[in-house]
Amino acid sequence: MSITPKSEKPGQKAEPGASWKHKEEHVLPKNRLGIVLFGLMCAMFLAALDQTIVATALPTIVADVGGGNSYSWVGSAYMLAAGALGPLYGKLSNMF
């Protein structure tokens, strides 16, 4: 199976990628790709840093919350809040 389009006339070669030329492409310029990757890496670093801070303070937080049965919710609460607020941050970034 070939991904190149079939030519309409026998003996005529199809141009590679011709089937995709009619579609609109939203290609990120190379100078913007680095900025996007840097932003994604910063977001991942901050998420990892937040989890490290929570892990360090976990014994104190669990003692204040009321025991070991709430132990798993301490790490999950951050991710739950971040996941719930993600669409809001996305909408605000589109607006401003």
N, C-alpha and C. Protein backbone atom coordinates (compact mmCIF):
# COMPACT_ATOMS: atom_id res chain seq x y z
N MET A 1 0.85 -1.17 0.00
CA MET A 1 0.00 0.00 0.00
C MET A 1 0.89 1.23 0.00
N SER A 2 0.63 2.14 -0.87
CA SER A 2 1.43 3.35 -1.03
C SER A 2 0.69 4.54 -0.44
N ILE A 3 1.45 5.48 0.12
CA ILE A 3 0.82 6.69 0.66
C ILE A 3 0.80 7.82 -0.35
N THR A 4 1.47 7.62 -1.48
CA THR A 4 1.44 8.65 -2.52
C THR A 4 0.16 8.50 -3.33
N PRO A 5 -0.43 9.62 -3.77
CA PRO A 5 -1.68 9.53 -4.52
C PRO A 5 -1.46 8.93 -5.90
N LYS A 6 -2.47 8.26 -6.39
CA LYS A 6 -2.39 7.68 -7.73
C LYS A 6 -2.57 8.79 -8.76
N SER A 7 -1.82 8.71 -9.82
CA SER A 7 -1.97 9.71 -10.87
C SER A 7 -3.23 9.42 -11.67
N GLU A 8 -3.79 10.47 -12.24
CA GLU A 8 -5.03 10.31 -12.98
C GLU A 8 -4.80 9.65 -14.33
N LYS A 9 -3.69 9.94 -14.96
CA LYS A 9 -3.40 9.38 -16.28
C LYS A 9 -2.31 8.33 -16.13
N PRO A 10 -2.42 7.24 -16.88
CA PRO A 10 -1.34 6.25 -16.82
C PRO A 10 -0.05 6.84 -17.38
N GLY A 11 1.03 6.54 -16.72
CA GLY A 11 2.32 7.05 -17.18
C GLY A 11 2.68 8.39 -16.56
N GLN A 12 1.76 9.03 -15.88
CA GLN A 12 2.03 10.32 -15.25
C GLN A 12 2.38 10.06 -13.79
N LYS A 13 3.49 10.63 -13.35
CA LYS A 13 3.91 10.43 -11.97
C LYS A 13 3.22 11.44 -11.07
N ALA A 14 2.81 10.96 -9.92
CA ALA A 14 2.19 11.85 -8.93
C ALA A 14 3.28 12.53 -8.13
N GLU A 15 3.04 13.76 -7.81
CA GLU A 15 3.99 14.51 -7.00
C GLU A 15 3.90 14.03 -5.55
N PRO A 16 5.04 13.75 -4.90
CA PRO A 16 4.98 13.30 -3.51
C PRO A 16 4.30 14.34 -2.62
N GLY A 17 3.40 13.87 -1.81
CA GLY A 17 2.69 14.77 -0.91
C GLY A 17 1.56 15.53 -1.55
N ALA A 18 1.18 15.18 -2.77
CA ALA A 18 0.14 15.93 -3.48
C ALA A 18 -1.22 15.78 -2.81
N SER A 19 -1.46 14.65 -2.16
CA SER A 19 -2.77 14.45 -1.53
C SER A 19 -2.95 15.35 -0.32
N TRP A 20 -1.88 15.85 0.23
CA TRP A 20 -1.98 16.70 1.41
C TRP A 20 -1.96 18.18 1.07
N LYS A 21 -1.73 18.52 -0.18
CA LYS A 21 -1.62 19.93 -0.54
C LYS A 21 -2.95 20.66 -0.47
N HIS A 22 -4.04 19.95 -0.66
CA HIS A 22 -5.33 20.61 -0.64
C HIS A 22 -5.81 20.90 0.79
N LYS A 23 -5.21 20.25 1.76
CA LYS A 23 -5.60 20.47 3.15
C LYS A 23 -4.84 21.67 3.71
N GLU A 24 -5.48 22.37 4.63
CA GLU A 24 -4.79 23.48 5.30
C GLU A 24 -3.85 22.89 6.33
N GLU A 25 -2.65 23.37 6.35
CA GLU A 25 -1.68 22.90 7.32
C GLU A 25 -1.34 24.03 8.26
N HIS A 26 -1.27 23.71 9.53
CA HIS A 26 -0.85 24.66 10.54
C HIS A 26 0.49 24.19 11.07
N VAL A 27 1.52 24.58 10.38
CA VAL A 27 2.86 24.15 10.74
C VAL A 27 3.49 25.24 11.59
N LEU A 28 4.09 24.83 12.68
CA LEU A 28 4.76 25.76 13.58
C LEU A 28 6.13 26.11 13.00
N PRO A 29 6.44 27.40 12.85
CA PRO A 29 7.77 27.76 12.35
C PRO A 29 8.86 27.26 13.30
N LYS A 30 10.04 27.04 12.76
CA LYS A 30 11.12 26.46 13.56
C LYS A 30 11.50 27.33 14.75
N ASN A 31 11.43 28.66 14.60
CA ASN A 31 11.80 29.51 15.72
C ASN A 31 10.76 29.44 16.83
N ARG A 32 9.51 29.15 16.51
CA ARG A 32 8.46 29.02 17.52
C ARG A 32 8.49 27.65 18.20
N LEU A 33 8.98 26.65 17.50
CA LEU A 33 9.03 25.31 18.06
C LEU A 33 9.89 25.27 19.31
N GLY A 34 11.01 25.94 19.30
CA GLY A 34 11.88 26.00 20.47
C GLY A 34 11.20 26.68 21.65
N ILE A 35 10.46 27.73 21.37
CA ILE A 35 9.75 28.44 22.43
C ILE A 35 8.68 27.55 23.04
N VAL A 36 7.95 26.83 22.20
CA VAL A 36 6.91 25.93 22.70
C VAL A 36 7.52 24.80 23.53
N LEU A 37 8.60 24.21 23.05
CA LEU A 37 9.25 23.15 23.80
C LEU A 37 9.80 23.66 25.13
N PHE A 38 10.35 24.86 25.13
CA PHE A 38 10.86 25.44 26.37
C PHE A 38 9.71 25.65 27.37
N GLY A 39 8.58 26.13 26.89
CA GLY A 39 7.42 26.31 27.76
C GLY A 39 6.92 25.00 28.34
N LEU A 40 6.89 23.96 27.51
CA LEU A 40 6.46 22.65 27.99
C LEU A 40 7.44 22.09 29.02
N MET A 41 8.73 22.29 28.79
CA MET A 41 9.72 21.81 29.75
C MET A 41 9.62 22.56 31.07
N CYS A 42 9.35 23.86 31.01
CA CYS A 42 9.17 24.64 32.24
C CYS A 42 7.95 24.16 33.02
N ALA A 43 6.87 23.86 32.32
CA ALA A 43 5.66 23.36 32.98
C ALA A 43 5.92 22.01 33.64
N MET A 44 6.63 21.12 32.96
CA MET A 44 6.95 19.82 33.55
C MET A 44 7.89 19.96 34.75
N PHE A 45 8.83 20.89 34.66
CA PHE A 45 9.74 21.12 35.78
C PHE A 45 8.98 21.63 37.00
N LEU A 46 8.06 22.56 36.79
CA LEU A 46 7.30 23.09 37.92
C LEU A 46 6.39 22.03 38.53
N ALA A 47 5.80 21.17 37.71
CA ALA A 47 4.97 20.09 38.25
C ALA A 47 5.82 19.12 39.07
N ALA A 48 7.01 18.79 38.58
CA ALA A 48 7.90 17.91 39.33
C ALA A 48 8.37 18.57 40.62
N LEU A 49 8.65 19.87 40.56
CA LEU A 49 9.08 20.60 41.75
C LEU A 49 7.97 20.65 42.79
N ASP A 50 6.74 20.87 42.35
CA ASP A 50 5.62 20.88 43.29
C ASP A 50 5.44 19.52 43.95
N GLN A 51 5.58 18.45 43.20
CA GLN A 51 5.45 17.12 43.79
C GLN A 51 6.59 16.84 44.76
N THR A 52 7.78 17.36 44.48
CA THR A 52 8.90 17.19 45.39
C THR A 52 8.65 17.93 46.70
N ILE A 53 8.09 19.12 46.60
CA ILE A 53 7.78 19.90 47.80
C ILE A 53 6.72 19.18 48.63
N VAL A 54 5.71 18.64 47.97
CA VAL A 54 4.66 17.91 48.68
C VAL A 54 5.24 16.66 49.33
N ALA A 55 6.12 15.95 48.63
CA ALA A 55 6.71 14.73 49.19
C ALA A 55 7.56 15.03 50.41
N THR A 56 8.23 16.18 50.42
CA THR A 56 9.05 16.55 51.57
C THR A 56 8.18 16.88 52.78
N ALA A 57 7.08 17.55 52.54
CA ALA A 57 6.21 17.97 53.64
C ALA A 57 5.11 16.94 53.94
N LEU A 58 5.15 15.80 53.30
CA LEU A 58 4.07 14.82 53.42
C LEU A 58 3.83 14.33 54.85
N PRO A 59 4.85 14.01 55.63
CA PRO A 59 4.56 13.56 57.01
C PRO A 59 3.81 14.62 57.84
N THR A 60 4.18 15.87 57.68
CA THR A 60 3.50 16.94 58.42
C THR A 60 2.07 17.12 57.93
N ILE A 61 1.88 17.07 56.62
CA ILE A 61 0.53 17.23 56.06
C ILE A 61 -0.38 16.10 56.50
N VAL A 62 0.12 14.86 56.47
CA VAL A 62 -0.69 13.71 56.86
C VAL A 62 -1.04 13.79 58.34
N ALA A 63 -0.12 14.25 59.16
CA ALA A 63 -0.41 14.40 60.59
C ALA A 63 -1.49 15.45 60.81
N ASP A 64 -1.46 16.54 60.05
CA ASP A 64 -2.48 17.58 60.19
C ASP A 64 -3.83 17.14 59.64
N VAL A 65 -3.82 16.35 58.57
CA VAL A 65 -5.07 15.91 57.96
C VAL A 65 -5.78 14.89 58.84
N GLY A 66 -5.02 14.07 59.51
CA GLY A 66 -5.67 13.14 60.43
C GLY A 66 -5.36 11.68 60.20
N GLY A 67 -4.20 11.36 59.76
CA GLY A 67 -3.84 9.96 59.71
C GLY A 67 -3.43 9.45 58.35
N GLY A 68 -3.04 8.18 58.36
CA GLY A 68 -2.51 7.54 57.16
C GLY A 68 -3.54 7.18 56.12
N ASN A 69 -4.83 7.16 56.50
CA ASN A 69 -5.83 6.80 55.50
C ASN A 69 -6.03 7.91 54.46
N SER A 70 -5.59 9.13 54.74
CA SER A 70 -5.66 10.24 53.79
C SER A 70 -4.34 10.46 53.07
N TYR A 71 -3.42 9.52 53.24
CA TYR A 71 -2.07 9.65 52.69
C TYR A 71 -2.07 9.78 51.17
N SER A 72 -2.87 9.00 50.50
CA SER A 72 -2.86 9.01 49.03
C SER A 72 -3.50 10.26 48.45
N TRP A 73 -4.39 10.91 49.20
CA TRP A 73 -5.07 12.08 48.68
C TRP A 73 -4.18 13.32 48.63
N VAL A 74 -3.12 13.32 49.39
CA VAL A 74 -2.25 14.51 49.41
C VAL A 74 -1.59 14.72 48.06
N GLY A 75 -1.04 13.68 47.47
CA GLY A 75 -0.42 13.81 46.15
C GLY A 75 -1.44 13.95 45.04
N SER A 76 -2.58 13.30 45.20
CA SER A 76 -3.62 13.36 44.17
C SER A 76 -4.34 14.70 44.13
N ALA A 77 -4.40 15.39 45.24
CA ALA A 77 -5.13 16.67 45.30
C ALA A 77 -4.49 17.71 44.38
N TYR A 78 -3.17 17.74 44.33
CA TYR A 78 -2.49 18.69 43.46
C TYR A 78 -2.79 18.39 41.99
N MET A 79 -2.67 17.13 41.61
CA MET A 79 -2.92 16.76 40.22
C MET A 79 -4.38 16.95 39.84
N LEU A 80 -5.29 16.70 40.76
CA LEU A 80 -6.71 16.90 40.50
C LEU A 80 -7.00 18.39 40.27
N ALA A 81 -6.43 19.25 41.11
CA ALA A 81 -6.63 20.69 40.95
C ALA A 81 -5.98 21.20 39.66
N ALA A 82 -4.79 20.72 39.36
CA ALA A 82 -4.11 21.15 38.14
C ALA A 82 -4.86 20.69 36.90
N GLY A 83 -5.40 19.49 36.93
CA GLY A 83 -6.17 19.00 35.79
C GLY A 83 -7.49 19.73 35.61
N ALA A 84 -8.10 20.12 36.72
CA ALA A 84 -9.38 20.83 36.64
C ALA A 84 -9.19 22.26 36.17
N LEU A 85 -8.08 22.88 36.53
CA LEU A 85 -7.84 24.27 36.15
C LEU A 85 -7.14 24.41 34.81
N GLY A 86 -6.66 23.32 34.23
CA GLY A 86 -5.98 23.38 32.94
C GLY A 86 -6.82 23.99 31.83
N PRO A 87 -8.08 23.57 31.65
CA PRO A 87 -8.89 24.20 30.61
C PRO A 87 -9.13 25.69 30.85
N LEU A 88 -9.24 26.08 32.11
CA LEU A 88 -9.41 27.50 32.43
C LEU A 88 -8.17 28.29 32.03
N TYR A 89 -7.00 27.76 32.35
CA TYR A 89 -5.76 28.43 31.95
C TYR A 89 -5.65 28.52 30.43
N GLY A 90 -6.06 27.47 29.74
CA GLY A 90 -6.03 27.48 28.28
C GLY A 90 -6.95 28.53 27.69
N LYS A 91 -8.14 28.65 28.25
CA LYS A 91 -9.09 29.65 27.77
C LYS A 91 -8.57 31.06 28.04
N LEU A 92 -8.00 31.28 29.22
CA LEU A 92 -7.44 32.60 29.54
C LEU A 92 -6.26 32.93 28.63
N SER A 93 -5.45 31.93 28.29
CA SER A 93 -4.31 32.20 27.40
C SER A 93 -4.78 32.54 25.99
N ASN A 94 -5.91 31.98 25.56
CA ASN A 94 -6.46 32.34 24.25
C ASN A 94 -7.06 33.73 24.26
N MET A 95 -7.61 34.15 25.39
CA MET A 95 -8.23 35.47 25.48
C MET A 95 -7.20 36.59 25.56
N PHE A 96 -6.11 36.35 26.29
CA PHE A 96 -5.13 37.42 26.50
C PHE A 96 -3.91 37.07 25.74
